[in-house]
C-alpha atoms as a PDB file:
ATOM      1  CA  MET A   1      -9.532 120.970  26.386  1.00  0.00           C
ATOM      2  CA  GLN A   2      -5.923 119.908  26.169  1.00  0.00           C
ATOM      3  CA  THR A   3      -4.140 118.908  29.359  1.00  0.00           C
ATOM      4  CA  THR A   4      -0.406 119.211  29.768  1.00  0.00           C
ATOM      5  CA  GLY A   5       1.384 117.723  32.747  1.00  0.00           C
ATOM      6  CA  LEU A   6       4.743 118.407  34.324  1.00  0.00           C
ATOM      7  CA  ASN A   7       6.755 115.973  36.421  1.00  0.00           C
ATOM      8  CA  THR A   8      10.392 115.426  37.261  1.00  0.00           C
ATOM      9  CA  THR A   9      11.209 113.397  34.138  1.00  0.00           C
ATOM     10  CA  GLY A  10       8.435 114.142  31.651  1.00  0.00           C
ATOM     11  CA  HIS A  11       7.209 110.541  31.729  1.00  0.00           C
ATOM     12  CA  PRO A  12       3.663 109.976  30.426  1.00  0.00           C
ATOM     13  CA  VAL A  13       0.840 110.110  32.970  1.00  0.00           C
ATOM     14  CA  GLU A  14      -2.671 108.818  32.371  1.00  0.00           C
ATOM     15  CA  GLY A  15      -5.182 111.620  31.897  1.00  0.00           C
ATOM     16  CA  PHE A  16      -2.741 114.063  30.299  1.00  0.00           C
ATOM     17  CA  ASP A  17      -2.519 114.655  26.558  1.00  0.00           C
ATOM     18  CA  GLN A  18       1.185 115.366  26.921  1.00  0.00           C
ATOM     19  CA  THR A  19       3.751 115.601  29.689  1.00  0.00           C
ATOM     20  CA  PHE A  20       7.014 117.466  30.050  1.00  0.00           C
ATOM     21  CA  ALA A  21       9.868 117.552  32.542  1.00  0.00           C
ATOM     22  CA  MET A  22       9.940 120.367  35.103  1.00  0.00           C
ATOM     23  CA  SER A  23      13.029 121.649  33.302  1.00  0.00           C
ATOM     24  CA  ASP A  24      10.671 122.591  30.427  1.00  0.00           C
ATOM     25  CA  LEU A  25       8.427 124.714  32.664  1.00  0.00           C
ATOM     26  CA  ALA A  26       9.399 128.097  31.203  1.00  0.00           C
ATOM     27  CA  GLU A  27       8.742 126.958  27.638  1.00  0.00           C
ATOM     28  CA  ILE A  28       5.260 125.550  28.185  1.00  0.00           C
ATOM     29  CA  ILE A  29       3.593 128.027  30.550  1.00  0.00           C
ATOM     30  CA  THR A  30       3.267 130.771  27.965  1.00  0.00           C
ATOM     31  CA  ASP A  31       0.152 129.051  26.563  1.00  0.00           C
ATOM     32  CA  ALA A  32      -1.442 127.991  29.852  1.00  0.00           C
ATOM     33  CA  ASP A  33      -5.035 129.009  30.513  1.00  0.00           C
ATOM     34  CA  TYR A  34      -4.967 127.255  33.893  1.00  0.00           C
ATOM     35  CA  PHE A  35      -1.936 126.168  35.864  1.00  0.00           C
ATOM     36  CA  VAL A  36      -2.560 123.749  38.731  1.00  0.00           C
ATOM     37  CA  SER A  37       0.215 123.155  41.242  1.00  0.00           C
ATOM     38  CA  VAL A  38       0.149 119.967  43.305  1.00  0.00           C
ATOM     39  CA  LEU A  39       3.818 120.029  44.307  1.00  0.00           C
ATOM     40  CA  PRO A  40       5.073 118.517  47.562  1.00  0.00           C
ATOM     41  CA  LYS A  41       7.064 120.610  50.023  1.00  0.00           C
ATOM     42  CA  THR A  42      10.752 120.008  49.362  1.00  0.00           C
ATOM     43  CA  LYS A  43      13.901 122.108  49.134  1.00  0.00           C
ATOM     44  CA  ALA A  44      13.632 121.933  45.339  1.00  0.00           C
ATOM     45  CA  THR A  45      10.059 123.255  45.265  1.00  0.00           C
ATOM     46  CA  THR A  46      10.525 126.156  47.682  1.00  0.00           C
ATOM     47  CA  GLY A  47       9.961 129.362  45.735  1.00  0.00           C
ATOM     48  CA  ILE A  48       9.784 127.520  42.408  1.00  0.00           C
ATOM     49  CA  TYR A  49       7.026 129.847  41.194  1.00  0.00           C
ATOM     50  CA  ASP A  50       8.824 133.173  41.217  1.00  0.00           C
ATOM     51  CA  MET A  51       7.856 136.520  39.710  1.00  0.00           C
ATOM     52  CA  ASN A  52       9.343 135.501  36.357  1.00  0.00           C
ATOM     53  CA  PHE A  53       7.043 132.456  36.323  1.00  0.00           C
ATOM     54  CA  PHE A  54       3.921 134.557  36.901  1.00  0.00           C
ATOM     55  CA  GLN A  55       4.989 137.179  34.355  1.00  0.00           C
ATOM     56  CA  SER A  56       5.488 134.386  31.791  1.00  0.00           C
ATOM     57  CA  LEU A  57       1.927 133.141  32.192  1.00  0.00           C
ATOM     58  CA  PRO A  58      -0.656 134.722  29.898  1.00  0.00           C
ATOM     59  CA  LYS A  59      -2.349 137.746  31.501  1.00  0.00           C
ATOM     60  CA  ASN A  60      -5.696 135.877  31.469  1.00  0.00           C
ATOM     61  CA  ALA A  61      -4.270 132.754  33.138  1.00  0.00           C
ATOM     62  CA  VAL A  62      -5.570 131.263  36.370  1.00  0.00           C
ATOM     63  CA  PHE A  63      -3.147 129.806  38.937  1.00  0.00           C
ATOM     64  CA  ILE A  64      -4.446 127.109  41.273  1.00  0.00           C
ATOM     65  CA  ASN A  65      -2.331 125.907  44.193  1.00  0.00           C
ATOM     66  CA  ILE A  66      -3.557 122.783  45.960  1.00  0.00           C
ATOM     67  CA  GLY A  67      -0.058 121.458  46.661  1.00  0.00           C
ATOM     68  CA  ARG A  68       2.072 123.253  49.223  1.00  0.00           C
ATOM     69  CA  GLY A  69       2.307 126.937  50.044  1.00  0.00           C
ATOM     70  CA  ASN A  70       6.107 127.058  49.987  1.00  0.00           C
ATOM     71  CA  ALA A  71       6.057 126.867  46.172  1.00  0.00           C
ATOM     72  CA  VAL A  72       5.313 130.621  46.053  1.00  0.00           C
ATOM     73  CA  GLU A  73       7.128 132.935  48.424  1.00  0.00           C
ATOM     74  CA  LYS A  74       4.923 135.324  50.389  1.00  0.00           C
ATOM     75  CA  ALA A  75       6.319 138.513  48.808  1.00  0.00           C
ATOM     76  CA  VAL A  76       5.892 137.113  45.292  1.00  0.00           C
ATOM     77  CA  LEU A  77       2.335 135.997  45.987  1.00  0.00           C
ATOM     78  CA  GLU A  78       1.362 139.378  47.425  1.00  0.00           C
ATOM     79  CA  ARG A  79       2.948 141.199  44.475  1.00  0.00           C
ATOM     80  CA  VAL A  80       1.191 138.999  41.886  1.00  0.00           C
ATOM     81  CA  ILE A  81      -2.116 139.678  43.627  1.00  0.00           C
ATOM     82  CA  ALA A  82      -1.553 143.425  44.051  1.00  0.00           C
ATOM     83  CA  GLU A  83      -0.342 143.958  40.486  1.00  0.00           C
ATOM     84  CA  LYS A  84      -2.965 141.591  39.033  1.00  0.00           C
ATOM     85  CA  THR A  85      -0.198 139.912  37.054  1.00  0.00           C
ATOM     86  CA  ILE A  86      -2.649 137.161  36.067  1.00  0.00           C
ATOM     87  CA  ARG A  87      -6.436 137.014  35.983  1.00  0.00           C
ATOM     88  CA  HIS A  88      -7.131 134.962  39.123  1.00  0.00           C
ATOM     89  CA  LEU A  89      -5.636 132.728  41.791  1.00  0.00           C
ATOM     90  CA  TYR A  90      -7.330 129.857  43.604  1.00  0.00           C
ATOM     91  CA  LEU A  91      -5.396 129.127  46.777  1.00  0.00           C
ATOM     92  CA  ASP A  92      -5.917 126.196  49.096  1.00  0.00           C
ATOM     93  CA  VAL A  93      -2.443 126.567  50.622  1.00  0.00           C
ATOM     94  CA  TYR A  94      -0.410 129.590  51.663  1.00  0.00           C
ATOM     95  CA  PRO A  95       3.253 130.419  52.355  1.00  0.00           C
ATOM     96  CA  ASP A  96       2.411 130.801  56.046  1.00  0.00           C
ATOM     97  CA  GLU A  97      -0.395 128.806  57.626  1.00  0.00           C
ATOM     98  CA  PRO A  98      -2.496 129.869  59.238  1.00  0.00           C
ATOM     99  CA  LEU A  99      -2.658 132.953  57.072  1.00  0.00           C
ATOM    100  CA  ALA A 100      -2.109 136.079  59.173  1.00  0.00           C
ATOM    101  CA  THR A 101      -5.223 138.154  59.804  1.00  0.00           C
ATOM    102  CA  GLU A 102      -3.466 141.245  58.418  1.00  0.00           C
ATOM    103  CA  SER A 103      -2.535 139.519  55.136  1.00  0.00           C
ATOM    104  CA  PRO A 104      -3.709 141.458  52.061  1.00  0.00           C
ATOM    105  CA  ILE A 105      -4.759 138.141  50.526  1.00  0.00           C
ATOM    106  CA  TRP A 106      -7.935 138.179  52.641  1.00  0.00           C
ATOM    107  CA  GLU A 107      -9.232 141.280  50.859  1.00  0.00           C
ATOM    108  CA  ALA A 108      -8.016 140.518  47.336  1.00  0.00           C
ATOM    109  CA  THR A 109     -10.728 140.404  44.685  1.00  0.00           C
ATOM    110  CA  ASN A 110      -8.631 138.299  42.304  1.00  0.00           C
ATOM    111  CA  VAL A 111      -8.196 135.414  44.754  1.00  0.00           C
ATOM    112  CA  THR A 112     -10.512 132.601  45.764  1.00  0.00           C
ATOM    113  CA  MET A 113      -9.443 131.032  49.051  1.00  0.00           C
ATOM    114  CA  THR A 114     -10.162 127.635  50.575  1.00  0.00           C
ATOM    115  CA  PRO A 115      -8.942 126.438  53.996  1.00  0.00           C
ATOM    116  CA  HIS A 116      -6.483 123.674  52.940  1.00  0.00           C
ATOM    117  CA  VAL A 117      -9.244 121.157  52.202  1.00  0.00           C
ATOM    118  CA  SER A 118      -8.923 120.555  48.450  1.00  0.00           C
ATOM    119  CA  GLY A 119      -8.103 116.880  48.870  1.00  0.00           C
ATOM    120  CA  HIS A 120     -11.233 116.077  50.820  1.00  0.00           C
ATOM    121  CA  THR A 121     -13.864 114.792  48.432  1.00  0.00           C
ATOM    122  CA  ASP A 122     -16.847 112.516  48.908  1.00  0.00           C
ATOM    123  CA  GLN A 123     -14.629 109.594  47.890  1.00  0.00           C
ATOM    124  CA  TYR A 124     -11.628 110.552  50.041  1.00  0.00           C
ATOM    125  CA  ILE A 125     -12.113 108.117  52.944  1.00  0.00           C
ATOM    126  CA  ARG A 126     -13.214 105.226  50.732  1.00  0.00           C
ATOM    127  CA  ARG A 127     -10.334 105.717  48.301  1.00  0.00           C
ATOM    128  CA  SER A 128      -7.792 106.156  51.116  1.00  0.00           C
ATOM    129  CA  MET A 129      -8.899 102.884  52.680  1.00  0.00           C
ATOM    130  CA  GLU A 130      -8.725 101.063  49.332  1.00  0.00           C
ATOM    131  CA  ILE A 131      -5.161 102.251  48.795  1.00  0.00           C
ATOM    132  CA  TRP A 132      -4.163 101.447  52.374  1.00  0.00           C
ATOM    133  CA  LEU A 133      -5.633  97.928  52.291  1.00  0.00           C
ATOM    134  CA  ASP A 134      -4.024  97.241  48.909  1.00  0.00           C
ATOM    135  CA  SER A 135      -0.669  98.507  50.196  1.00  0.00           C
ATOM    136  CA  LEU A 136      -0.956  96.415  53.365  1.00  0.00           C
ATOM    137  CA  SER A 137      -1.603  93.291  51.308  1.00  0.00           C
ATOM    138  CA  LYS A 138       1.325  94.052  49.005  1.00  0.00           C
ATOM    139  CA  PHE A 139       3.592  94.807  51.973  1.00  0.00           C
ATOM    140  CA  LYS A 140       2.719  91.476  53.595  1.00  0.00           C
ATOM    141  CA  ASN A 141       3.519  89.723  50.308  1.00  0.00           C
ATOM    142  CA  GLU A 142       6.783  91.666  49.919  1.00  0.00           C
ATOM    143  CA  GLN A 143       5.554  93.462  46.796  1.00  0.00           C
ATOM    144  CA  PRO A 144       6.029  97.162  45.980  1.00  0.00           C
ATOM    145  CA  VAL A 145       3.344  99.345  47.540  1.00  0.00           C
ATOM    146  CA  GLN A 146       1.480 102.218  45.894  1.00  0.00           C
ATOM    147  CA  ASN A 147       2.595 105.764  46.780  1.00  0.00           C
ATOM    148  CA  GLU A 148       5.771 104.668  48.533  1.00  0.00           C
ATOM    149  CA  ILE A 149       7.657 107.539  50.142  1.00  0.00           C
ATOM    150  CA  ASN A 150      11.162 108.187  48.854  1.00  0.00           C
ATOM    151  CA  LEU A 151      13.029 109.955  51.651  1.00  0.00           C
ATOM    152  CA  ASN A 152      15.784 111.067  49.273  1.00  0.00           C
ATOM    153  CA  ARG A 153      13.235 112.972  47.165  1.00  0.00           C
ATOM    154  CA  GLY A 154      11.389 114.296  50.211  1.00  0.00           C
ATOM    155  CA  TYR A 155       7.978 112.829  49.351  1.00  0.00           C
END
């Protein structure tokens, strides 16, 4: 399996065979078997996955969203599901949460839904505490902390 990552600048990230900048999104998705979105919720990411994005994915592609639901607008998501634009969607987040009881997503056969819990693994608490304790130590020693929030970027 080859893994391709996207980030704001295209800088290399451990675990990915190659990385590209988000500005290259349209060029690289045409070969994607699986597309996993882990985007934060910002003004720049709202509606980033539009109908053109889904139509550019291969018909047999799978879209997985474990980031934030705002990345796909409700109307686009419902259309992609209804028209079966791609093979399958795994959704842990939704444009509106909680998802309305009358939403057609509940009945869709090409969607697997989870209740916004994708980040909770067996190692979640242990790993969170390790990061927090490391960051506390670095903060006390006036060193840069891991996962520092940049308010200008929105995450």
